[in-house]
């Protein structure tokens, strides 16, 4: 079975188009869309593109979709930041009624049975939360707390925008990286699974992508283009920030 996992697209249609071209060439059996699809410049166009895929596709709720659904329902958004709340409100105004209904059908996790890997668990952040942070630097003690109750031997996640492949207590935990906002290198990161695990990277025309994206009235579009399309945040710097966020969340749960 050939599976493609695409996470954290963040409304970056040019990046998604490039990745879907590579996926099509691989003739995959299933595409798993791992959440944080709509929080970016082109939420409507991104959903339209994904809904037009002819291959079997499964969708997982990211924290940004959860924010939007709470906004749609008139509940407190409770996003990770004030900026994320602003983005959720903007997205809610962009989406059609049918797209809002579509988002409501996404699941927190999904499990796929395979011959090679047994049952693969796909989640956004961790199996218990789409906002929970862990990285390749997370201690074994904390990893045990997150994954000890999980029976799947392979877990695929995203959320932190950084690819990694961890072997831990007879489990393999793989981060697919980010299609739309990768940390460390411009382009688009994703995951391919067959008899092996492949951390994939797809280049695309970032100058043309920047031109297209600047046509959006997305809040902070210039920052998105400058820091996530034409350039990419430093991986080591982001790891330091994520480690601090992880430590902070440990003190609040």
Protein backbone atom coordinates (compact mmCIF):
# COMPACT_ATOMS: atom_id res chain seq x y z
CA UNK A 1 0.00 0.00 0.00
CA UNK A 2 1.31 3.42 -0.97
CA UNK A 3 0.26 6.34 1.23
CA UNK A 4 1.03 10.04 0.95
CA UNK A 5 0.67 12.19 4.06
CA UNK A 6 0.38 15.94 3.52
CA UNK A 7 0.25 18.15 6.60
CA UNK A 8 0.16 21.85 7.46
CA UNK A 9 -0.67 23.15 3.99
CA UNK A 10 -1.71 26.52 5.45
CA UNK A 11 -3.57 27.73 2.40
CA UNK A 12 -0.42 27.70 0.25
CA UNK A 13 -1.98 26.61 -3.05
CA UNK A 14 1.21 26.81 -5.18
CA UNK A 15 3.04 24.51 -2.76
CA UNK A 16 0.09 22.10 -2.67
CA UNK A 17 -0.14 22.00 -6.46
CA UNK A 18 3.53 21.04 -6.69
CA UNK A 19 3.21 18.30 -4.06
CA UNK A 20 0.08 16.85 -5.63
CA UNK A 21 1.99 16.64 -8.92
CA UNK A 22 4.68 14.54 -7.23
CA UNK A 23 2.06 12.41 -5.49
CA UNK A 24 0.27 11.73 -8.77
CA UNK A 25 3.53 10.47 -10.27
CA UNK A 26 3.80 7.97 -7.40
CA UNK A 27 0.33 6.52 -8.08
CA UNK A 28 -0.55 6.31 -4.38
CA UNK A 29 -3.45 4.28 -2.96
CA UNK A 30 -4.40 6.80 -0.27
CA UNK A 31 -3.74 10.42 0.66
CA UNK A 32 -4.00 11.48 4.30
CA UNK A 33 -4.48 15.22 4.78
CA UNK A 34 -3.21 15.86 8.29
CA UNK A 35 -4.77 19.18 9.27
CA UNK A 36 -3.94 22.89 9.34
CA UNK A 37 -5.14 23.10 5.78
CA UNK A 38 -7.09 26.37 5.79
CA UNK A 39 -5.05 28.79 7.95
CA UNK A 40 -3.36 30.65 5.14
CA UNK A 41 -3.84 32.87 2.10
CA UNK A 42 -6.11 30.63 0.01
CA UNK A 43 -8.44 28.58 2.25
CA UNK A 44 -11.24 28.30 -0.32
CA UNK A 45 -8.96 27.39 -3.22
CA UNK A 46 -7.03 24.89 -1.07
CA UNK A 47 -10.19 23.05 -0.09
CA UNK A 48 -11.42 23.08 -3.67
CA UNK A 49 -8.14 21.55 -4.83
CA UNK A 50 -8.21 18.84 -2.17
CA UNK A 51 -11.85 17.99 -2.80
CA UNK A 52 -11.02 17.53 -6.47
CA UNK A 53 -8.52 14.73 -5.76
CA UNK A 54 -9.69 11.48 -7.36
CA UNK A 55 -7.56 9.19 -5.16
CA UNK A 56 -9.06 7.98 -1.85
CA UNK A 57 -8.44 10.73 0.70
CA UNK A 58 -8.91 11.04 4.46
CA UNK A 59 -8.90 14.29 6.42
CA UNK A 60 -7.76 15.02 9.99
CA UNK A 61 -8.63 18.08 12.05
CA UNK A 62 -5.74 20.41 12.73
CA UNK A 63 -5.86 23.06 15.42
CA UNK A 64 -6.70 25.71 12.81
CA UNK A 65 -9.76 23.75 11.62
CA UNK A 66 -10.85 23.32 15.24
CA UNK A 67 -10.52 27.10 15.69
CA UNK A 68 -12.66 27.75 12.62
CA UNK A 69 -15.33 25.27 13.66
CA UNK A 70 -15.62 26.92 17.08
CA UNK A 71 -15.88 30.30 15.37
CA UNK A 72 -18.62 28.98 13.07
CA UNK A 73 -20.52 27.66 16.08
CA UNK A 74 -20.25 30.99 17.89
CA UNK A 75 -18.10 29.50 20.66
CA UNK A 76 -14.93 31.04 22.14
CA UNK A 77 -12.20 30.33 19.60
CA UNK A 78 -9.50 29.61 22.21
CA UNK A 79 -6.77 29.61 19.58
CA UNK A 80 -3.07 29.39 20.33
CA UNK A 81 -2.67 33.15 19.86
CA UNK A 82 -4.61 36.34 19.19
CA UNK A 83 -3.29 36.25 15.64
CA UNK A 84 -4.66 32.73 15.17
CA UNK A 85 -8.04 33.96 16.38
CA UNK A 86 -7.96 36.79 13.84
CA UNK A 87 -7.13 34.28 11.11
CA UNK A 88 -9.96 31.95 12.20
CA UNK A 89 -12.47 34.80 11.93
CA UNK A 90 -11.16 35.75 8.49
CA UNK A 91 -11.34 32.16 7.24
CA UNK A 92 -14.88 31.75 8.54
CA UNK A 93 -15.93 34.67 6.37
CA UNK A 94 -14.28 33.16 3.28
CA UNK A 95 -15.66 29.62 3.36
CA UNK A 96 -18.89 28.57 1.69
CA UNK A 97 -21.61 26.77 3.62
CA UNK A 98 -20.69 23.47 1.95
CA UNK A 99 -17.03 23.91 2.88
CA UNK A 100 -17.95 24.58 6.50
CA UNK A 101 -19.99 21.38 6.52
CA UNK A 102 -17.07 19.54 4.93
CA UNK A 103 -14.72 20.68 7.71
CA UNK A 104 -17.17 19.37 10.30
CA UNK A 105 -16.75 15.82 8.90
CA UNK A 106 -13.00 15.67 9.59
CA UNK A 107 -11.84 13.41 12.41
CA UNK A 108 -9.24 14.01 15.18
CA UNK A 109 -7.25 10.93 14.14
CA UNK A 110 -7.44 8.12 11.62
CA UNK A 111 -6.05 4.59 11.56
CA UNK A 112 -4.97 2.77 8.41
CA UNK A 113 -4.29 -0.99 8.30
CA UNK A 114 -1.28 -1.99 6.20
CA UNK A 115 0.55 -5.24 5.52
CA UNK A 116 4.02 -3.80 6.09
CA UNK A 117 3.44 -1.54 9.10
CA UNK A 118 0.35 -2.99 10.68
CA UNK A 119 -1.99 -0.26 11.90
CA UNK A 120 -0.70 3.27 11.26
CA UNK A 121 -2.12 6.03 13.46
CA UNK A 122 -2.33 9.49 11.89
CA UNK A 123 -2.86 12.52 14.13
CA UNK A 124 -2.14 16.25 13.87
CA UNK A 125 -0.25 17.15 17.05
CA UNK A 126 -0.40 14.03 19.22
CA UNK A 127 -3.01 11.24 19.53
CA UNK A 128 -4.63 13.11 22.42
CA UNK A 129 -4.56 16.72 21.19
CA UNK A 130 -4.12 18.65 17.95
CA UNK A 131 -2.38 21.48 19.83
CA UNK A 132 0.12 19.43 21.85
CA UNK A 133 3.78 20.00 20.98
CA UNK A 134 6.67 17.58 20.99
CA UNK A 135 9.86 17.54 18.91
CA UNK A 136 12.86 15.39 18.14
CA UNK A 137 14.36 16.81 21.34
CA UNK A 138 11.51 15.67 23.60
CA UNK A 139 12.65 13.47 26.48
CA UNK A 140 11.84 9.78 26.62
CA UNK A 141 9.84 10.44 29.77
CA UNK A 142 7.57 12.90 27.98
CA UNK A 143 7.32 10.73 24.87
CA UNK A 144 6.25 7.85 27.09
CA UNK A 145 3.50 9.98 28.61
CA UNK A 146 2.17 10.80 25.14
CA UNK A 147 2.46 7.43 23.43
CA UNK A 148 2.48 4.70 26.09
CA UNK A 149 -1.22 3.88 25.60
CA UNK A 150 -1.00 3.76 21.79
CA UNK A 151 -1.02 0.28 20.27
CA UNK A 152 0.04 1.34 16.76
CA UNK A 153 3.71 0.74 16.04
CA UNK A 154 3.84 3.63 13.55
CA UNK A 155 2.46 7.09 14.34
CA UNK A 156 2.44 9.95 11.83
CA UNK A 157 2.01 13.53 13.00
CA UNK A 158 2.62 17.13 11.96
CA UNK A 159 1.85 20.46 13.70
CA UNK A 160 5.45 21.58 14.35
CA UNK A 161 6.37 22.01 10.66
CA UNK A 162 9.57 19.97 10.99
CA UNK A 163 10.23 16.52 9.61
CA UNK A 164 11.72 13.89 11.92
CA UNK A 165 11.79 10.12 12.37
CA UNK A 166 12.03 8.88 15.97
CA UNK A 167 12.38 5.26 17.13
CA UNK A 168 11.05 4.95 20.66
CA UNK A 169 10.00 1.91 22.75
CA UNK A 170 9.17 -0.30 19.75
CA UNK A 171 7.33 2.57 18.10
CA UNK A 172 8.26 4.73 15.16
CA UNK A 173 7.03 8.32 15.30
CA UNK A 174 7.33 10.30 12.09
CA UNK A 175 6.59 13.96 11.48
CA UNK A 176 5.52 14.63 7.88
CA UNK A 177 6.64 18.26 7.99
CA UNK A 178 4.73 21.12 6.38
CA UNK A 179 3.65 21.58 2.78
CA UNK A 180 2.94 25.28 3.08
CA UNK A 181 5.20 26.58 5.88
CA UNK A 182 8.23 24.29 6.35
CA UNK A 183 10.95 25.24 8.79
CA UNK A 184 14.57 25.04 7.66
CA UNK A 185 14.28 25.12 3.85
CA UNK A 186 12.01 26.72 1.28
CA UNK A 187 9.80 24.41 -0.74
CA UNK A 188 7.29 21.86 0.53
CA UNK A 189 7.74 18.87 2.85
CA UNK A 190 5.55 15.77 2.99
CA UNK A 191 5.69 12.04 3.65
CA UNK A 192 5.51 8.96 1.46
CA UNK A 193 4.91 5.51 2.95
CA UNK A 194 5.26 2.19 1.12
CA UNK A 195 7.60 -0.57 2.25
CA UNK A 196 9.81 2.24 3.55
CA UNK A 197 9.30 5.64 5.15
CA UNK A 198 10.33 8.51 2.87
CA UNK A 199 10.67 12.09 4.12
CA UNK A 200 9.90 13.97 0.91
CA UNK A 201 10.72 17.49 -0.27
CA UNK A 202 9.24 19.22 -3.32
CA UNK A 203 10.61 22.43 -4.80
CA UNK A 204 8.34 24.90 -6.56
CA UNK A 205 8.62 28.35 -8.12
CA UNK A 206 8.58 30.50 -5.00
CA UNK A 207 8.80 33.79 -6.90
CA UNK A 208 5.65 32.97 -8.87
CA UNK A 209 4.02 31.65 -5.70
CA UNK A 210 4.80 34.94 -3.94
CA UNK A 211 3.20 36.89 -6.78
CA UNK A 212 0.02 34.81 -6.58
CA UNK A 213 -0.19 34.84 -2.79
CA UNK A 214 0.18 38.62 -2.59
CA UNK A 215 -3.17 38.87 -4.38
CA UNK A 216 -4.89 37.47 -1.28
CA UNK A 217 -6.30 39.74 1.42
CA UNK A 218 -5.19 37.25 4.08
CA UNK A 219 -4.19 39.04 7.32
CA UNK A 220 -0.40 39.32 7.32
CA UNK A 221 0.03 38.18 3.73
CA UNK A 222 3.32 40.09 3.29
CA UNK A 223 4.80 38.37 6.34
CA UNK A 224 3.62 34.99 5.05
CA UNK A 225 5.32 35.56 1.71
CA UNK A 226 8.55 36.94 3.17
CA UNK A 227 9.02 34.36 5.93
CA UNK A 228 7.38 31.19 4.60
CA UNK A 229 7.60 31.29 0.79
CA UNK A 230 10.61 33.34 -0.29
CA UNK A 231 12.50 32.32 2.87
CA UNK A 232 12.02 29.76 5.60
CA UNK A 233 12.44 30.15 9.38
CA UNK A 234 15.71 28.84 10.83
CA UNK A 235 15.18 25.28 12.04
CA UNK A 236 17.41 25.58 15.11
CA UNK A 237 15.74 28.82 16.19
CA UNK A 238 12.30 27.28 15.77
CA UNK A 239 13.38 24.20 17.71
CA UNK A 240 14.35 26.41 20.63
CA UNK A 241 10.95 28.15 20.51
CA UNK A 242 9.06 24.86 20.24
CA UNK A 243 11.02 23.35 23.13
CA UNK A 244 10.11 26.38 25.26
CA UNK A 245 6.44 26.00 24.24
CA UNK A 246 6.54 22.31 25.07
CA UNK A 247 7.98 23.01 28.52
CA UNK A 248 5.37 25.70 29.10
CA UNK A 249 2.51 23.40 28.17
CA UNK A 250 3.82 20.76 30.61
CA UNK A 251 3.35 23.26 33.41
CA UNK A 252 -0.24 24.04 32.38
CA UNK A 253 -1.72 20.55 31.99
